[in-house]
N, C-alpha and C. Protein backbone atom coordinates (compact mmCIF):
# COMPACT_ATOMS: atom_id res chain seq x y z
N MET A 1 14.51 63.29 -35.84
CA MET A 1 15.00 64.52 -36.44
C MET A 1 13.86 65.53 -36.48
N THR A 2 14.12 66.71 -35.96
CA THR A 2 13.17 67.80 -35.99
C THR A 2 13.46 68.67 -37.19
N TYR A 3 12.41 69.08 -37.89
CA TYR A 3 12.59 69.95 -39.06
C TYR A 3 12.87 71.36 -38.59
N LYS A 4 14.03 71.86 -38.90
CA LYS A 4 14.38 73.25 -38.62
C LYS A 4 14.85 73.88 -39.91
N ARG A 5 14.42 75.09 -40.10
CA ARG A 5 14.76 75.84 -41.31
C ARG A 5 15.65 77.01 -40.91
N LEU A 6 16.58 77.35 -41.78
CA LEU A 6 17.42 78.52 -41.54
C LEU A 6 16.67 79.77 -41.98
N TYR A 7 16.66 80.77 -41.11
CA TYR A 7 16.02 82.05 -41.39
C TYR A 7 17.04 83.17 -41.26
N THR A 8 16.84 84.22 -42.04
CA THR A 8 17.61 85.44 -41.91
C THR A 8 16.68 86.49 -41.30
N VAL A 9 17.15 87.16 -40.26
CA VAL A 9 16.38 88.20 -39.58
C VAL A 9 17.05 89.54 -39.88
N VAL A 10 16.25 90.48 -40.39
CA VAL A 10 16.76 91.81 -40.75
C VAL A 10 16.00 92.84 -39.91
N LEU A 11 16.72 93.55 -39.05
CA LEU A 11 16.11 94.55 -38.17
C LEU A 11 16.52 95.93 -38.67
N GLU A 12 15.53 96.79 -38.87
CA GLU A 12 15.75 98.18 -39.29
C GLU A 12 15.34 99.05 -38.12
N TYR A 13 16.30 99.89 -37.65
CA TYR A 13 16.00 100.71 -36.47
C TYR A 13 16.93 101.91 -36.44
N LYS A 14 16.37 103.09 -36.29
CA LYS A 14 17.12 104.34 -36.15
C LYS A 14 18.20 104.50 -37.21
N GLY A 15 17.87 104.18 -38.45
CA GLY A 15 18.79 104.37 -39.55
C GLY A 15 19.80 103.24 -39.75
N GLY A 16 19.75 102.22 -38.90
CA GLY A 16 20.67 101.10 -39.02
C GLY A 16 19.97 99.84 -39.49
N THR A 17 20.73 98.97 -40.12
CA THR A 17 20.23 97.67 -40.56
C THR A 17 21.10 96.61 -39.90
N TYR A 18 20.45 95.68 -39.17
CA TYR A 18 21.16 94.65 -38.42
C TYR A 18 20.65 93.29 -38.89
N ILE A 19 21.57 92.39 -39.24
CA ILE A 19 21.20 91.12 -39.86
C ILE A 19 21.78 89.98 -39.05
N GLY A 20 20.96 88.95 -38.83
CA GLY A 20 21.40 87.75 -38.15
C GLY A 20 20.72 86.54 -38.75
N GLN A 21 21.19 85.35 -38.40
CA GLN A 21 20.57 84.12 -38.87
C GLN A 21 20.40 83.16 -37.70
N ALA A 22 19.35 82.35 -37.78
CA ALA A 22 19.08 81.33 -36.78
C ALA A 22 18.18 80.27 -37.40
N SER A 23 18.11 79.12 -36.76
CA SER A 23 17.25 78.03 -37.22
C SER A 23 16.11 77.81 -36.24
N ALA A 24 14.95 77.46 -36.76
CA ALA A 24 13.78 77.17 -35.92
C ALA A 24 12.75 76.44 -36.76
N ASP A 25 11.68 76.02 -36.08
CA ASP A 25 10.58 75.31 -36.74
C ASP A 25 9.68 76.24 -37.54
N THR A 26 9.51 77.47 -37.05
CA THR A 26 8.60 78.43 -37.69
C THR A 26 9.24 79.82 -37.68
N PRO A 27 8.76 80.72 -38.53
CA PRO A 27 9.30 82.08 -38.52
C PRO A 27 9.05 82.79 -37.20
N LYS A 28 7.89 82.57 -36.58
CA LYS A 28 7.61 83.21 -35.29
C LYS A 28 8.57 82.69 -34.22
N ALA A 29 8.84 81.39 -34.25
CA ALA A 29 9.76 80.80 -33.27
C ALA A 29 11.16 81.36 -33.45
N VAL A 30 11.61 81.52 -34.68
CA VAL A 30 12.96 82.04 -34.90
C VAL A 30 13.05 83.49 -34.45
N LEU A 31 12.02 84.27 -34.66
CA LEU A 31 12.04 85.67 -34.25
C LEU A 31 12.08 85.78 -32.73
N SER A 32 11.29 84.99 -32.03
CA SER A 32 11.30 85.00 -30.57
C SER A 32 12.64 84.55 -30.03
N ASP A 33 13.19 83.48 -30.61
CA ASP A 33 14.47 82.95 -30.17
C ASP A 33 15.58 83.97 -30.43
N TRP A 34 15.58 84.56 -31.61
CA TRP A 34 16.58 85.56 -31.97
C TRP A 34 16.52 86.75 -31.02
N ALA A 35 15.30 87.21 -30.72
CA ALA A 35 15.13 88.36 -29.82
C ALA A 35 15.65 88.03 -28.42
N SER A 36 15.38 86.84 -27.94
CA SER A 36 15.80 86.48 -26.58
C SER A 36 17.31 86.27 -26.47
N LYS A 37 17.97 85.92 -27.59
CA LYS A 37 19.41 85.65 -27.56
C LYS A 37 20.25 86.84 -28.01
N THR A 38 19.61 87.94 -28.37
CA THR A 38 20.36 89.12 -28.79
C THR A 38 21.17 89.63 -27.60
N THR A 39 22.43 89.88 -27.80
CA THR A 39 23.32 90.25 -26.70
C THR A 39 23.05 91.67 -26.20
N ASN A 40 23.38 91.89 -24.94
CA ASN A 40 23.21 93.21 -24.35
C ASN A 40 24.06 94.26 -25.06
N SER A 41 25.23 93.87 -25.56
CA SER A 41 26.06 94.85 -26.27
C SER A 41 25.40 95.30 -27.57
N HIS A 42 24.75 94.36 -28.27
CA HIS A 42 24.01 94.75 -29.47
C HIS A 42 22.84 95.66 -29.11
N LEU A 43 22.10 95.30 -28.08
CA LEU A 43 20.96 96.11 -27.67
C LEU A 43 21.40 97.52 -27.29
N LYS A 44 22.51 97.63 -26.57
CA LYS A 44 23.02 98.94 -26.18
C LYS A 44 23.40 99.75 -27.42
N GLU A 45 24.06 99.09 -28.38
CA GLU A 45 24.44 99.76 -29.63
C GLU A 45 23.21 100.23 -30.38
N TRP A 46 22.17 99.39 -30.41
CA TRP A 46 20.95 99.71 -31.16
C TRP A 46 20.07 100.71 -30.41
N GLY A 47 20.16 100.75 -29.07
CA GLY A 47 19.31 101.63 -28.28
C GLY A 47 17.91 101.08 -28.08
N VAL A 48 17.82 99.76 -27.95
CA VAL A 48 16.53 99.09 -27.72
C VAL A 48 16.70 98.12 -26.56
N THR A 49 15.64 97.84 -25.81
CA THR A 49 15.72 96.93 -24.68
C THR A 49 15.27 95.52 -25.07
N HIS A 50 15.64 94.53 -24.25
CA HIS A 50 15.17 93.16 -24.47
C HIS A 50 13.64 93.12 -24.43
N GLU A 51 13.05 93.88 -23.51
CA GLU A 51 11.58 93.89 -23.38
C GLU A 51 10.92 94.42 -24.65
N GLU A 52 11.46 95.52 -25.19
CA GLU A 52 10.89 96.09 -26.41
C GLU A 52 11.03 95.12 -27.59
N LEU A 53 12.19 94.52 -27.73
CA LEU A 53 12.42 93.59 -28.83
C LEU A 53 11.56 92.33 -28.68
N SER A 54 11.42 91.84 -27.46
CA SER A 54 10.58 90.65 -27.22
C SER A 54 9.11 90.93 -27.51
N LYS A 55 8.65 92.14 -27.17
CA LYS A 55 7.26 92.50 -27.46
C LYS A 55 7.00 92.52 -28.96
N ILE A 56 7.91 93.10 -29.71
CA ILE A 56 7.77 93.13 -31.17
C ILE A 56 7.80 91.72 -31.73
N ALA A 57 8.68 90.88 -31.19
CA ALA A 57 8.78 89.49 -31.65
C ALA A 57 7.52 88.70 -31.34
N SER A 58 6.84 89.02 -30.24
CA SER A 58 5.65 88.26 -29.86
C SER A 58 4.38 88.75 -30.56
N ASP A 59 4.43 89.95 -31.12
CA ASP A 59 3.26 90.47 -31.85
C ASP A 59 3.11 89.71 -33.17
N ASN A 60 2.05 90.02 -33.88
CA ASN A 60 1.77 89.29 -35.13
C ASN A 60 2.87 89.46 -36.16
N LEU A 61 3.34 88.33 -36.62
CA LEU A 61 4.29 88.28 -37.73
C LEU A 61 3.44 88.00 -38.96
N VAL A 62 3.46 88.88 -39.92
CA VAL A 62 2.56 88.74 -41.08
C VAL A 62 3.36 88.46 -42.35
N PRO A 63 2.80 87.62 -43.23
CA PRO A 63 3.47 87.37 -44.51
C PRO A 63 3.43 88.61 -45.39
N ILE A 64 4.47 88.80 -46.18
CA ILE A 64 4.54 89.91 -47.12
C ILE A 64 3.85 89.50 -48.42
N ASP A 65 2.84 90.27 -48.82
CA ASP A 65 2.11 89.98 -50.05
C ASP A 65 3.05 89.93 -51.25
N GLY A 66 2.87 88.93 -52.09
CA GLY A 66 3.64 88.81 -53.32
C GLY A 66 5.02 88.19 -53.13
N CYS A 67 5.36 87.80 -51.89
CA CYS A 67 6.67 87.20 -51.63
C CYS A 67 6.48 85.81 -51.02
N LEU A 68 7.38 84.93 -51.33
CA LEU A 68 7.36 83.58 -50.79
C LEU A 68 8.35 83.50 -49.64
N ASN A 69 7.89 83.01 -48.48
CA ASN A 69 8.76 82.79 -47.31
C ASN A 69 9.39 84.07 -46.76
N VAL A 70 8.60 85.16 -46.74
CA VAL A 70 9.05 86.43 -46.16
C VAL A 70 7.94 86.97 -45.27
N TRP A 71 8.31 87.35 -44.04
CA TRP A 71 7.36 87.86 -43.06
C TRP A 71 7.88 89.17 -42.48
N CYS A 72 6.98 89.92 -41.84
CA CYS A 72 7.33 91.22 -41.29
C CYS A 72 6.66 91.42 -39.93
N ALA A 73 7.35 92.10 -39.04
CA ALA A 73 6.78 92.53 -37.76
C ALA A 73 7.31 93.94 -37.51
N SER A 74 6.51 94.73 -36.82
CA SER A 74 6.96 96.08 -36.49
C SER A 74 6.39 96.50 -35.15
N GLY A 75 6.99 97.51 -34.58
CA GLY A 75 6.50 98.03 -33.31
C GLY A 75 7.25 99.29 -32.93
N SER A 76 6.77 99.92 -31.88
CA SER A 76 7.38 101.16 -31.40
C SER A 76 8.21 100.89 -30.16
N THR A 77 9.29 101.63 -30.04
CA THR A 77 10.11 101.63 -28.84
C THR A 77 10.25 103.08 -28.39
N ARG A 78 10.89 103.27 -27.28
CA ARG A 78 11.08 104.66 -26.82
C ARG A 78 11.95 105.45 -27.79
N GLY A 79 12.73 104.72 -28.62
CA GLY A 79 13.62 105.38 -29.58
C GLY A 79 13.04 105.51 -30.98
N GLY A 80 11.88 104.92 -31.23
CA GLY A 80 11.28 105.02 -32.56
C GLY A 80 10.74 103.70 -33.06
N LEU A 81 10.44 103.66 -34.33
CA LEU A 81 9.83 102.49 -34.97
C LEU A 81 10.90 101.43 -35.28
N VAL A 82 10.53 100.17 -35.04
CA VAL A 82 11.37 99.02 -35.37
C VAL A 82 10.65 98.21 -36.43
N LEU A 83 11.36 97.84 -37.47
CA LEU A 83 10.83 96.97 -38.53
C LEU A 83 11.72 95.75 -38.59
N VAL A 84 11.10 94.56 -38.52
CA VAL A 84 11.86 93.31 -38.59
C VAL A 84 11.30 92.48 -39.73
N ASN A 85 12.17 92.03 -40.61
CA ASN A 85 11.80 91.09 -41.67
C ASN A 85 12.45 89.75 -41.38
N VAL A 86 11.70 88.69 -41.62
CA VAL A 86 12.18 87.33 -41.44
C VAL A 86 12.07 86.64 -42.79
N ILE A 87 13.17 86.05 -43.24
CA ILE A 87 13.22 85.42 -44.57
C ILE A 87 13.70 83.98 -44.41
N ALA A 88 12.92 83.03 -44.90
CA ALA A 88 13.36 81.64 -44.91
C ALA A 88 14.43 81.51 -45.98
N THR A 89 15.64 81.13 -45.56
CA THR A 89 16.75 81.12 -46.50
C THR A 89 17.26 79.71 -46.80
N ASP A 90 16.62 78.69 -46.23
CA ASP A 90 17.06 77.33 -46.44
C ASP A 90 15.85 76.41 -46.40
N GLU A 91 15.63 75.66 -47.42
CA GLU A 91 14.49 74.74 -47.50
C GLU A 91 14.80 73.37 -46.92
N SER A 92 16.07 73.07 -46.69
CA SER A 92 16.43 71.71 -46.30
C SER A 92 16.21 71.46 -44.82
N PRO A 93 15.82 70.24 -44.46
CA PRO A 93 15.66 69.89 -43.04
C PRO A 93 17.01 69.91 -42.32
N ARG A 94 16.97 70.28 -41.06
CA ARG A 94 18.18 70.28 -40.24
C ARG A 94 17.90 69.51 -38.97
N GLY A 95 18.85 68.72 -38.54
CA GLY A 95 18.71 67.99 -37.28
C GLY A 95 18.96 68.91 -36.10
N THR A 96 18.50 68.48 -34.94
CA THR A 96 18.75 69.29 -33.74
C THR A 96 19.85 68.70 -32.90
């Protein structure tokens, strides 16, 4: 059994808030996986490319001071600033 935790990913971009959930071993892994699996229809709606989202996901994910199990990543796209928060929402182990 591999330990996987449920995370909530919150993306803020161009005045919109987009929320998804996924499971992974680490917050960085969930962000990369989430970015790679985001559908083209969502990307078109948001006005961001897979390349831009993947670059933000691969950059440093930093813990938020004063919060437990919350991380943040940000970056620029041709359409503006993207802010992504990752929140561990489940402490229990999950099988793969």
